[in-house]
C-alpha atoms as a PDB file:
ATOM      1  CA  MET A   1      -0.362   0.086  -0.034  1.00  0.00           C
ATOM      2  CA  SER A   2       0.990   3.482  -0.712  1.00  0.00           C
ATOM      3  CA  VAL A   3      -0.392   6.963  -0.509  1.00  0.00           C
ATOM      4  CA  ALA A   4       0.009   9.848  -3.459  1.00  0.00           C
ATOM      5  CA  ILE A   5      -0.983  13.418  -2.267  1.00  0.00           C
ATOM      6  CA  ILE A   6      -1.445  15.421  -4.872  1.00  0.00           C
ATOM      7  CA  ASP A   7       0.627  18.925  -5.318  1.00  0.00           C
ATOM      8  CA  TYR A   8      -0.707  20.833  -7.733  1.00  0.00           C
ATOM      9  CA  GLY A   9      -0.213  24.135  -5.931  1.00  0.00           C
ATOM     10  CA  VAL A  10      -3.049  24.452  -3.564  1.00  0.00           C
ATOM     11  CA  GLY A  11      -3.379  23.121   0.118  1.00  0.00           C
ATOM     12  CA  ASN A  12      -1.312  22.427   3.184  1.00  0.00           C
ATOM     13  CA  LEU A  13       0.147  18.942   2.364  1.00  0.00           C
ATOM     14  CA  THR A  14       2.517  18.526   4.896  1.00  0.00           C
ATOM     15  CA  SER A  15       0.072  18.032   7.814  1.00  0.00           C
ATOM     16  CA  VAL A  16      -1.975  15.453   5.278  1.00  0.00           C
ATOM     17  CA  ARG A  17       1.465  13.632   5.087  1.00  0.00           C
ATOM     18  CA  ASN A  18       1.917  13.583   8.439  1.00  0.00           C
ATOM     19  CA  ALA A  19      -1.715  12.529   9.230  1.00  0.00           C
ATOM     20  CA  VAL A  20      -1.029   9.431   6.886  1.00  0.00           C
ATOM     21  CA  LEU A  21       2.436   8.636   8.089  1.00  0.00           C
ATOM     22  CA  ARG A  22       0.670   8.378  11.636  1.00  0.00           C
ATOM     23  CA  LEU A  23      -1.146   5.287  10.560  1.00  0.00           C
ATOM     24  CA  GLN A  24       2.459   4.023   9.146  1.00  0.00           C
ATOM     25  CA  VAL A  25       1.867   4.005   5.716  1.00  0.00           C
ATOM     26  CA  PRO A  26       4.108   4.777   2.954  1.00  0.00           C
ATOM     27  CA  VAL A  27       2.631   8.608   1.563  1.00  0.00           C
ATOM     28  CA  HIS A  28       4.400  10.618  -0.838  1.00  0.00           C
ATOM     29  CA  VAL A  29       3.701  14.432  -1.738  1.00  0.00           C
ATOM     30  CA  THR A  30       4.118  14.490  -5.726  1.00  0.00           C
ATOM     31  CA  ALA A  31       3.524  16.182  -8.703  1.00  0.00           C
ATOM     32  CA  ASP A  32       4.855  13.538 -10.864  1.00  0.00           C
ATOM     33  CA  LEU A  33       1.668  11.850 -12.737  1.00  0.00           C
ATOM     34  CA  ALA A  34       3.779   8.742 -12.741  1.00  0.00           C
ATOM     35  CA  ALA A  35       3.429   8.688  -9.281  1.00  0.00           C
ATOM     36  CA  LEU A  36      -0.403   8.542  -8.853  1.00  0.00           C
ATOM     37  CA  VAL A  37       0.043   5.289 -11.329  1.00  0.00           C
ATOM     38  CA  ASP A  38       2.298   3.584  -8.935  1.00  0.00           C
ATOM     39  CA  ALA A  39       0.051   4.662  -5.766  1.00  0.00           C
ATOM     40  CA  THR A  40      -2.634   2.283  -4.430  1.00  0.00           C
ATOM     41  CA  HIS A  41      -4.295   5.400  -2.835  1.00  0.00           C
ATOM     42  CA  ILE A  42      -4.970   8.921  -3.896  1.00  0.00           C
ATOM     43  CA  ILE A  43      -5.481  12.202  -1.939  1.00  0.00           C
ATOM     44  CA  LEU A  44      -6.531  15.351  -3.337  1.00  0.00           C
ATOM     45  CA  PRO A  45      -6.179  18.345  -0.568  1.00  0.00           C
ATOM     46  CA  GLY A  46      -6.833  21.768  -1.221  1.00  0.00           C
ATOM     47  CA  VAL A  47      -7.669  25.229   0.221  1.00  0.00           C
ATOM     48  CA  GLY A  48      -8.515  28.253  -1.849  1.00  0.00           C
ATOM     49  CA  SER A  49     -11.042  28.580  -4.730  1.00  0.00           C
ATOM     50  CA  PHE A  50     -12.903  26.736  -6.979  1.00  0.00           C
ATOM     51  CA  SER A  51     -11.692  28.011 -10.015  1.00  0.00           C
ATOM     52  CA  GLU A  52      -7.596  28.020  -8.903  1.00  0.00           C
ATOM     53  CA  GLY A  53      -7.789  24.601  -7.911  1.00  0.00           C
ATOM     54  CA  MET A  54      -8.800  23.372 -11.511  1.00  0.00           C
ATOM     55  CA  LYS A  55      -6.909  25.926 -13.029  1.00  0.00           C
ATOM     56  CA  GLY A  56      -4.303  24.111 -10.834  1.00  0.00           C
ATOM     57  CA  LEU A  57      -4.891  20.613 -11.754  1.00  0.00           C
ATOM     58  CA  THR A  58      -5.587  21.565 -15.294  1.00  0.00           C
ATOM     59  CA  GLU A  59      -1.977  23.211 -15.988  1.00  0.00           C
ATOM     60  CA  ARG A  60      -0.106  20.056 -14.593  1.00  0.00           C
ATOM     61  CA  GLY A  61      -1.856  17.816 -16.385  1.00  0.00           C
ATOM     62  CA  PHE A  62      -3.334  15.744 -13.595  1.00  0.00           C
ATOM     63  CA  ILE A  63      -6.899  15.771 -14.735  1.00  0.00           C
ATOM     64  CA  SER A  64      -6.614  13.289 -17.181  1.00  0.00           C
ATOM     65  CA  VAL A  65      -4.512  10.819 -15.239  1.00  0.00           C
ATOM     66  CA  LEU A  66      -6.685  11.361 -12.130  1.00  0.00           C
ATOM     67  CA  ARG A  67      -9.858  10.051 -14.746  1.00  0.00           C
ATOM     68  CA  GLU A  68      -7.745   6.910 -15.660  1.00  0.00           C
ATOM     69  CA  GLU A  69      -6.763   5.910 -12.223  1.00  0.00           C
ATOM     70  CA  ALA A  70      -9.953   6.845 -10.283  1.00  0.00           C
ATOM     71  CA  LEU A  71     -12.545   6.433 -12.245  1.00  0.00           C
ATOM     72  CA  GLU A  72     -11.498   3.503 -14.893  1.00  0.00           C
ATOM     73  CA  LYS A  73      -9.245   1.565 -12.909  1.00  0.00           C
ATOM     74  CA  LYS A  74     -11.272   2.575  -9.410  1.00  0.00           C
ATOM     75  CA  LYS A  75      -8.300   3.384  -7.456  1.00  0.00           C
ATOM     76  CA  PRO A  76      -9.624   4.680  -4.032  1.00  0.00           C
ATOM     77  CA  MET A  77      -9.422   8.539  -4.031  1.00  0.00           C
ATOM     78  CA  LEU A  78     -10.137  10.988  -1.373  1.00  0.00           C
ATOM     79  CA  GLY A  79     -10.605  14.631  -1.522  1.00  0.00           C
ATOM     80  CA  ILE A  80     -10.115  16.875   0.931  1.00  0.00           C
ATOM     81  CA  CYS A  81     -11.534  20.616   1.782  1.00  0.00           C
ATOM     82  CA  LEU A  82     -11.494  22.204  -1.617  1.00  0.00           C
ATOM     83  CA  GLY A  83     -10.364  18.730  -3.029  1.00  0.00           C
ATOM     84  CA  MET A  84     -13.807  17.398  -2.203  1.00  0.00           C
ATOM     85  CA  GLN A  85     -15.272  20.471  -3.930  1.00  0.00           C
ATOM     86  CA  LEU A  86     -13.588  19.631  -6.796  1.00  0.00           C
ATOM     87  CA  LEU A  87     -15.169  16.004  -7.280  1.00  0.00           C
ATOM     88  CA  ALA A  88     -18.307  18.167  -8.447  1.00  0.00           C
ATOM     89  CA  THR A  89     -19.564  18.727 -11.655  1.00  0.00           C
ATOM     90  CA  GLU A  90     -19.242  22.354 -11.356  1.00  0.00           C
ATOM     91  CA  GLY A  91     -18.935  25.191  -8.768  1.00  0.00           C
ATOM     92  CA  PHE A  92     -20.111  28.843  -8.606  1.00  0.00           C
ATOM     93  CA  GLU A  93     -17.232  30.424  -6.764  1.00  0.00           C
ATOM     94  CA  HIS A  94     -15.995  33.219  -9.027  1.00  0.00           C
ATOM     95  CA  GLY A  95     -18.575  32.343 -11.979  1.00  0.00           C
ATOM     96  CA  ARG A  96     -19.749  29.512 -13.054  1.00  0.00           C
ATOM     97  CA  ASN A  97     -16.477  26.528 -13.421  1.00  0.00           C
ATOM     98  CA  GLN A  98     -16.464  23.055 -14.652  1.00  0.00           C
ATOM     99  CA  GLY A  99     -15.119  20.790 -11.959  1.00  0.00           C
ATOM    100  CA  LEU A 100     -13.984  16.896 -12.373  1.00  0.00           C
ATOM    101  CA  GLY A 101     -17.335  15.319 -12.548  1.00  0.00           C
ATOM    102  CA  PHE A 102     -16.504  12.484 -10.307  1.00  0.00           C
ATOM    103  CA  ILE A 103     -19.564  13.032  -8.077  1.00  0.00           C
ATOM    104  CA  PRO A 104     -22.354  14.799 -10.207  1.00  0.00           C
ATOM    105  CA  GLY A 105     -23.262  17.874  -8.077  1.00  0.00           C
ATOM    106  CA  ALA A 106     -22.594  21.652  -7.643  1.00  0.00           C
ATOM    107  CA  VAL A 107     -20.854  23.674  -5.097  1.00  0.00           C
ATOM    108  CA  ARG A 108     -22.673  26.910  -4.034  1.00  0.00           C
ATOM    109  CA  LEU A 109     -22.127  29.500  -1.292  1.00  0.00           C
ATOM    110  CA  ILE A 110     -23.748  28.123   1.942  1.00  0.00           C
ATOM    111  CA  ASP A 111     -27.234  30.067   2.529  1.00  0.00           C
ATOM    112  CA  THR A 112     -27.069  31.494   5.981  1.00  0.00           C
ATOM    113  CA  ALA A 113     -29.957  34.132   5.361  1.00  0.00           C
ATOM    114  CA  GLN A 114     -32.292  32.622   7.542  1.00  0.00           C
ATOM    115  CA  SER A 115     -29.514  31.832  10.490  1.00  0.00           C
ATOM    116  CA  GLU A 116     -27.047  33.645  12.568  1.00  0.00           C
ATOM    117  CA  CYS A 117     -24.334  31.717  11.016  1.00  0.00           C
ATOM    118  CA  ARG A 118     -21.388  33.614   9.237  1.00  0.00           C
ATOM    119  CA  LEU A 119     -19.330  32.877   6.401  1.00  0.00           C
ATOM    120  CA  PRO A 120     -16.853  31.366   6.471  1.00  0.00           C
ATOM    121  CA  HIS A 121     -17.338  28.562   8.434  1.00  0.00           C
ATOM    122  CA  ILE A 122     -14.578  28.093  10.990  1.00  0.00           C
ATOM    123  CA  GLY A 123     -13.726  25.906  13.591  1.00  0.00           C
ATOM    124  CA  TRP A 124     -15.275  22.462  15.036  1.00  0.00           C
ATOM    125  CA  ASN A 125     -18.283  21.033  14.451  1.00  0.00           C
ATOM    126  CA  ASP A 126     -20.337  17.558  15.341  1.00  0.00           C
ATOM    127  CA  VAL A 127     -21.030  15.535  12.217  1.00  0.00           C
ATOM    128  CA  ASN A 128     -24.010  13.446  11.759  1.00  0.00           C
ATOM    129  CA  LEU A 129     -22.442  10.065  10.055  1.00  0.00           C
ATOM    130  CA  SER A 130     -24.366   7.594   7.767  1.00  0.00           C
ATOM    131  CA  GLY A 131     -23.437   4.044   9.005  1.00  0.00           C
ATOM    132  CA  GLN A 132     -23.677   2.725   5.332  1.00  0.00           C
ATOM    133  CA  HIS A 133     -20.707   4.496   4.229  1.00  0.00           C
ATOM    134  CA  PRO A 134     -17.424   2.459   5.109  1.00  0.00           C
ATOM    135  CA  ILE A 135     -15.680   6.181   4.578  1.00  0.00           C
ATOM    136  CA  ALA A 136     -18.084   6.819   8.198  1.00  0.00           C
ATOM    137  CA  ALA A 137     -17.162   3.316   9.718  1.00  0.00           C
ATOM    138  CA  GLY A 138     -15.784   3.074  13.319  1.00  0.00           C
ATOM    139  CA  PHE A 139     -17.314   5.737  15.120  1.00  0.00           C
ATOM    140  CA  THR A 140     -19.009   4.870  18.614  1.00  0.00           C
ATOM    141  CA  HIS A 141     -19.680   8.771  19.243  1.00  0.00           C
ATOM    142  CA  ARG A 142     -20.904  11.502  17.389  1.00  0.00           C
ATOM    143  CA  PRO A 143     -17.573  12.811  15.819  1.00  0.00           C
ATOM    144  CA  ALA A 144     -16.248  16.316  15.535  1.00  0.00           C
ATOM    145  CA  PHE A 145     -14.309  17.853  12.510  1.00  0.00           C
ATOM    146  CA  TYR A 146     -12.459  20.896  11.876  1.00  0.00           C
ATOM    147  CA  PHE A 147     -13.797  23.331   9.171  1.00  0.00           C
ATOM    148  CA  VAL A 148     -13.243  26.091   7.110  1.00  0.00           C
ATOM    149  CA  HIS A 149     -14.842  26.965   4.386  1.00  0.00           C
ATOM    150  CA  SER A 150     -17.873  29.042   2.820  1.00  0.00           C
ATOM    151  CA  TYR A 151     -19.150  26.767   0.185  1.00  0.00           C
ATOM    152  CA  GLN A 152     -20.555  23.190   0.334  1.00  0.00           C
ATOM    153  CA  PHE A 153     -20.827  20.327  -2.480  1.00  0.00           C
ATOM    154  CA  ILE A 154     -24.735  19.605  -3.111  1.00  0.00           C
ATOM    155  CA  PRO A 155     -24.629  16.108  -4.949  1.00  0.00           C
ATOM    156  CA  GLU A 156     -27.142  15.292  -7.205  1.00  0.00           C
ATOM    157  CA  ASP A 157     -27.733  11.920  -5.312  1.00  0.00           C
ATOM    158  CA  PRO A 158     -28.369  11.989  -1.938  1.00  0.00           C
ATOM    159  CA  GLN A 159     -27.327   8.657  -1.102  1.00  0.00           C
ATOM    160  CA  VAL A 160     -23.471   9.875  -1.551  1.00  0.00           C
ATOM    161  CA  ILE A 161     -24.040  11.897   1.471  1.00  0.00           C
ATOM    162  CA  ALA A 162     -22.085  10.177   3.861  1.00  0.00           C
ATOM    163  CA  GLY A 163     -22.226  13.014   6.944  1.00  0.00           C
ATOM    164  CA  THR A 164     -23.452  16.449   7.361  1.00  0.00           C
ATOM    165  CA  CYS A 165     -23.289  19.195  10.037  1.00  0.00           C
ATOM    166  CA  GLU A 166     -25.396  21.764  11.010  1.00  0.00           C
ATOM    167  CA  TYR A 167     -24.369  25.279   9.793  1.00  0.00           C
ATOM    168  CA  GLY A 168     -27.426  27.335   9.075  1.00  0.00           C
ATOM    169  CA  GLN A 169     -28.986  24.512   7.671  1.00  0.00           C
ATOM    170  CA  ALA A 170     -27.792  20.757   6.612  1.00  0.00           C
ATOM    171  CA  VAL A 171     -24.444  21.210   5.130  1.00  0.00           C
ATOM    172  CA  THR A 172     -22.713  18.138   3.241  1.00  0.00           C
ATOM    173  CA  ALA A 173     -19.664  16.952   5.238  1.00  0.00           C
ATOM    174  CA  LEU A 174     -18.707  13.596   4.077  1.00  0.00           C
ATOM    175  CA  VAL A 175     -19.189  11.520   0.823  1.00  0.00           C
ATOM    176  CA  GLU A 176     -18.864   8.568  -0.553  1.00  0.00           C
ATOM    177  CA  SER A 177     -19.408   7.242  -4.409  1.00  0.00           C
ATOM    178  CA  ASP A 178     -17.944   3.614  -4.754  1.00  0.00           C
ATOM    179  CA  ASN A 179     -14.019   4.444  -4.582  1.00  0.00           C
ATOM    180  CA  ILE A 180     -14.348   8.108  -4.584  1.00  0.00           C
ATOM    181  CA  CYS A 181     -14.669   9.908  -1.227  1.00  0.00           C
ATOM    182  CA  GLY A 182     -14.558  13.339  -0.310  1.00  0.00           C
ATOM    183  CA  ALA A 183     -14.201  15.259   3.153  1.00  0.00           C
ATOM    184  CA  GLN A 184     -15.503  19.105   3.427  1.00  0.00           C
ATOM    185  CA  PHE A 185     -13.652  19.424   6.514  1.00  0.00           C
ATOM    186  CA  HIS A 186      -9.668  18.851   7.646  1.00  0.00           C
ATOM    187  CA  PRO A 187      -9.288  15.264   8.935  1.00  0.00           C
ATOM    188  CA  GLU A 188      -5.462  16.360   9.210  1.00  0.00           C
ATOM    189  CA  LYS A 189      -6.361  18.787  11.677  1.00  0.00           C
ATOM    190  CA  SER A 190      -9.209  17.068  13.623  1.00  0.00           C
ATOM    191  CA  HIS A 191      -7.097  14.826  15.915  1.00  0.00           C
ATOM    192  CA  ASP A 192      -8.516  10.914  16.479  1.00  0.00           C
ATOM    193  CA  ASP A 193     -11.816  11.191  14.582  1.00  0.00           C
ATOM    194  CA  GLY A 194      -9.770  12.822  11.851  1.00  0.00           C
ATOM    195  CA  LEU A 195      -7.162   9.351  11.504  1.00  0.00           C
ATOM    196  CA  GLN A 196     -10.531   7.395  11.477  1.00  0.00           C
ATOM    197  CA  ILE A 197     -11.389   8.885   8.435  1.00  0.00           C
ATOM    198  CA  PHE A 198      -7.930   8.354   6.992  1.00  0.00           C
ATOM    199  CA  ARG A 199      -8.101   4.833   8.318  1.00  0.00           C
ATOM    200  CA  ASN A 200     -11.659   4.229   6.862  1.00  0.00           C
ATOM    201  CA  PHE A 201      -9.914   5.397   3.141  1.00  0.00           C
ATOM    202  CA  LEU A 202      -7.051   3.386   3.181  1.00  0.00           C
ATOM    203  CA  SER A 203      -9.243   0.226   3.829  1.00  0.00           C
ATOM    204  CA  LEU A 204     -10.805   0.655   0.540  1.00  0.00           C
ATOM    205  CA  ALA A 205      -9.389  -1.740  -2.001  1.00  0.00           C
END
């Protein structure tokens, strides 16, 4: 087993790497397309805007390789924060932008008009998990994770939602569709609960 963390110019890569290393799994931060082919699992981290994320993936030639490895070969892939949002069909941050389309849906600004919640959503929040998803397995309590975001992923199929948090409304926190997973929160900053998400991801074959 080996993990490739994609370096496409966006995101806190070191903290993700360190979290995976705590599970004693070989992990590489890489901008090398061949490394994605060699790895058994792929992590797409990211912070920043949807448009900049897609620009980074496109300019570095990652998109076609990700389609082959994740969609065709069914290699497990985990998107984190912006990385999860990029799994969507499209995003509406700074205009309308095409996403990877690995999980059909759209990324839109969280609607806080009917609440006192403010954007960005920053801090710890409990997450309600769906037990039917392997990415959400192994918890004997309601976990809490660390969030930093203003936009949320709204999948076309609600069955792919593995977890939600409350922030003025139910906000998608965790998704899983076959071998493709996404966490809106930062598991690498979420202590033991975050490590469990990584364990679950690494258990996917």
